[in-house]
Amino acid sequence: KFDKVRIAVKVPAQFANKCYGTLKGYGIQREEWASNGDLMAVVEIFGGLQGEFYDKLNKMTGGDVETKVV
Protein backbone atom coordinates (compact mmCIF):
# COMPACT_ATOMS: atom_id res chain seq x y z
CA LYS A 1 0.00 0.00 0.00
CA PHE A 2 2.74 2.45 0.86
CA ASP A 3 5.21 1.24 -1.77
CA LYS A 4 5.63 3.66 -4.64
CA VAL A 5 4.58 2.48 -8.08
CA ARG A 6 5.65 4.04 -11.36
CA ILE A 7 2.96 4.02 -14.04
CA ALA A 8 3.42 4.96 -17.68
CA VAL A 9 0.32 6.63 -19.10
CA LYS A 10 -0.60 7.39 -22.70
CA VAL A 11 -3.53 9.77 -23.11
CA PRO A 12 -5.01 10.41 -26.58
CA ALA A 13 -4.82 14.01 -27.83
CA GLN A 14 -8.53 14.76 -27.39
CA PHE A 15 -8.29 14.07 -23.62
CA ALA A 16 -4.73 15.24 -22.94
CA ASN A 17 -5.54 18.75 -21.71
CA LYS A 18 -8.36 17.48 -19.51
CA CYS A 19 -6.16 14.80 -17.91
CA TYR A 20 -2.99 16.86 -17.55
CA GLY A 21 -4.02 18.58 -14.31
CA THR A 22 -4.99 15.27 -12.72
CA LEU A 23 -1.72 13.65 -13.72
CA LYS A 24 0.20 16.67 -12.42
CA GLY A 25 -1.66 16.34 -9.12
CA TYR A 26 -0.43 12.77 -8.74
CA GLY A 27 3.15 13.76 -9.55
CA ILE A 28 4.49 13.55 -13.09
CA GLN A 29 8.06 12.21 -13.18
CA ARG A 30 8.44 12.56 -16.93
CA GLU A 31 6.22 13.85 -19.72
CA GLU A 32 6.39 13.88 -23.47
CA TRP A 33 3.97 15.30 -26.03
CA ALA A 34 3.74 13.42 -29.31
CA SER A 35 3.47 15.34 -32.57
CA ASN A 36 -0.18 14.22 -32.85
CA GLY A 37 -0.99 15.73 -29.44
CA ASP A 38 -0.96 12.51 -27.40
CA LEU A 39 0.44 12.87 -23.90
CA MET A 40 2.85 10.25 -22.58
CA ALA A 41 3.73 10.59 -18.93
CA VAL A 42 5.23 8.60 -16.07
CA VAL A 43 3.72 9.18 -12.64
CA GLU A 44 4.88 7.81 -9.30
CA ILE A 45 2.13 7.12 -6.78
CA PHE A 46 1.56 5.03 -3.69
CA GLY A 47 0.34 1.53 -4.54
CA GLY A 48 -2.82 2.10 -2.50
CA LEU A 49 -3.89 4.88 -4.88
CA GLN A 50 -3.74 2.79 -8.05
CA GLY A 51 -7.45 1.93 -8.15
CA GLU A 52 -8.49 5.56 -7.66
CA PHE A 53 -5.91 6.69 -10.24
CA TYR A 54 -7.18 4.27 -12.91
CA ASP A 55 -10.82 5.12 -12.15
CA LYS A 56 -10.22 8.85 -12.59
CA LEU A 57 -8.37 8.42 -15.88
CA ASN A 58 -10.96 6.01 -17.26
CA LYS A 59 -13.79 8.40 -16.36
CA MET A 60 -12.07 11.34 -18.03
CA THR A 61 -11.20 9.45 -21.21
CA GLY A 62 -14.14 7.08 -21.51
CA GLY A 63 -11.68 4.20 -21.05
CA ASP A 64 -9.49 5.37 -23.93
CA VAL A 65 -6.22 5.52 -21.97
CA GLU A 66 -3.24 3.17 -21.90
CA THR A 67 -1.41 2.47 -18.63
CA LYS A 68 1.46 0.20 -17.72
CA VAL A 69 3.33 -0.33 -14.46
CA VAL A 70 7.03 0.23 -15.10
C-alpha atoms as a PDB file:
ATOM      1  CA  LYS A   1       0.000   0.000   0.000  1.00  0.00           C
ATOM      2  CA  PHE A   2       2.741   2.452   0.859  1.00  0.00           C
ATOM      3  CA  ASP A   3       5.209   1.242  -1.767  1.00  0.00           C
ATOM      4  CA  LYS A   4       5.627   3.659  -4.639  1.00  0.00           C
ATOM      5  CA  VAL A   5       4.584   2.479  -8.081  1.00  0.00           C
ATOM      6  CA  ARG A   6       5.646   4.040 -11.363  1.00  0.00           C
ATOM      7  CA  ILE A   7       2.955   4.021 -14.036  1.00  0.00           C
ATOM      8  CA  ALA A   8       3.416   4.963 -17.678  1.00  0.00           C
ATOM      9  CA  VAL A   9       0.317   6.629 -19.096  1.00  0.00           C
ATOM     10  CA  LYS A  10      -0.603   7.386 -22.701  1.00  0.00           C
ATOM     11  CA  VAL A  11      -3.529   9.772 -23.112  1.00  0.00           C
ATOM     12  CA  PRO A  12      -5.014  10.409 -26.584  1.00  0.00           C
ATOM     13  CA  ALA A  13      -4.821  14.008 -27.827  1.00  0.00           C
ATOM     14  CA  GLN A  14      -8.533  14.760 -27.395  1.00  0.00           C
ATOM     15  CA  PHE A  15      -8.291  14.075 -23.622  1.00  0.00           C
ATOM     16  CA  ALA A  16      -4.726  15.240 -22.945  1.00  0.00           C
ATOM     17  CA  ASN A  17      -5.536  18.754 -21.707  1.00  0.00           C
ATOM     18  CA  LYS A  18      -8.360  17.479 -19.515  1.00  0.00           C
ATOM     19  CA  CYS A  19      -6.163  14.802 -17.906  1.00  0.00           C
ATOM     20  CA  TYR A  20      -2.988  16.856 -17.545  1.00  0.00           C
ATOM     21  CA  GLY A  21      -4.024  18.576 -14.313  1.00  0.00           C
ATOM     22  CA  THR A  22      -4.992  15.273 -12.716  1.00  0.00           C
ATOM     23  CA  LEU A  23      -1.719  13.646 -13.715  1.00  0.00           C
ATOM     24  CA  LYS A  24       0.205  16.666 -12.416  1.00  0.00           C
ATOM     25  CA  GLY A  25      -1.662  16.341  -9.118  1.00  0.00           C
ATOM     26  CA  TYR A  26      -0.432  12.775  -8.743  1.00  0.00           C
ATOM     27  CA  GLY A  27       3.149  13.761  -9.548  1.00  0.00           C
ATOM     28  CA  ILE A  28       4.487  13.548 -13.086  1.00  0.00           C
ATOM     29  CA  GLN A  29       8.057  12.214 -13.184  1.00  0.00           C
ATOM     30  CA  ARG A  30       8.437  12.556 -16.932  1.00  0.00           C
ATOM     31  CA  GLU A  31       6.223  13.854 -19.716  1.00  0.00           C
ATOM     32  CA  GLU A  32       6.386  13.882 -23.465  1.00  0.00           C
ATOM     33  CA  TRP A  33       3.972  15.304 -26.028  1.00  0.00           C
ATOM     34  CA  ALA A  34       3.738  13.424 -29.311  1.00  0.00           C
ATOM     35  CA  SER A  35       3.468  15.339 -32.575  1.00  0.00           C
ATOM     36  CA  ASN A  36      -0.180  14.221 -32.853  1.00  0.00           C
ATOM     37  CA  GLY A  37      -0.990  15.734 -29.437  1.00  0.00           C
ATOM     38  CA  ASP A  38      -0.963  12.509 -27.405  1.00  0.00           C
ATOM     39  CA  LEU A  39       0.444  12.866 -23.903  1.00  0.00           C
ATOM     40  CA  MET A  40       2.853  10.254 -22.584  1.00  0.00           C
ATOM     41  CA  ALA A  41       3.731  10.586 -18.929  1.00  0.00           C
ATOM     42  CA  VAL A  42       5.225   8.605 -16.069  1.00  0.00           C
ATOM     43  CA  VAL A  43       3.721   9.183 -12.643  1.00  0.00           C
ATOM     44  CA  GLU A  44       4.882   7.815  -9.304  1.00  0.00           C
ATOM     45  CA  ILE A  45       2.127   7.116  -6.783  1.00  0.00           C
ATOM     46  CA  PHE A  46       1.564   5.028  -3.686  1.00  0.00           C
ATOM     47  CA  GLY A  47       0.343   1.534  -4.537  1.00  0.00           C
ATOM     48  CA  GLY A  48      -2.817   2.098  -2.504  1.00  0.00           C
ATOM     49  CA  LEU A  49      -3.889   4.884  -4.876  1.00  0.00           C
ATOM     50  CA  GLN A  50      -3.740   2.786  -8.049  1.00  0.00           C
ATOM     51  CA  GLY A  51      -7.452   1.929  -8.147  1.00  0.00           C
ATOM     52  CA  GLU A  52      -8.486   5.556  -7.657  1.00  0.00           C
ATOM     53  CA  PHE A  53      -5.913   6.686 -10.242  1.00  0.00           C
ATOM     54  CA  TYR A  54      -7.176   4.267 -12.912  1.00  0.00           C
ATOM     55  CA  ASP A  55     -10.819   5.121 -12.154  1.00  0.00           C
ATOM     56  CA  LYS A  56     -10.216   8.853 -12.594  1.00  0.00           C
ATOM     57  CA  LEU A  57      -8.371   8.424 -15.882  1.00  0.00           C
ATOM     58  CA  ASN A  58     -10.962   6.009 -17.256  1.00  0.00           C
ATOM     59  CA  LYS A  59     -13.793   8.395 -16.361  1.00  0.00           C
ATOM     60  CA  MET A  60     -12.069  11.342 -18.027  1.00  0.00           C
ATOM     61  CA  THR A  61     -11.203   9.450 -21.206  1.00  0.00           C
ATOM     62  CA  GLY A  62     -14.135   7.076 -21.510  1.00  0.00           C
ATOM     63  CA  GLY A  63     -11.684   4.202 -21.045  1.00  0.00           C
ATOM     64  CA  ASP A  64      -9.493   5.375 -23.926  1.00  0.00           C
ATOM     65  CA  VAL A  65      -6.218   5.518 -21.972  1.00  0.00           C
ATOM     66  CA  GLU A  66      -3.239   3.173 -21.896  1.00  0.00           C
ATOM     67  CA  THR A  67      -1.414   2.472 -18.631  1.00  0.00           C
ATOM     68  CA  LYS A  68       1.461   0.201 -17.717  1.00  0.00           C
ATOM     69  CA  VAL A  69       3.333  -0.328 -14.459  1.00  0.00           C
ATOM     70  CA  VAL A  70       7.032   0.234 -15.098  1.00  0.00           C
END
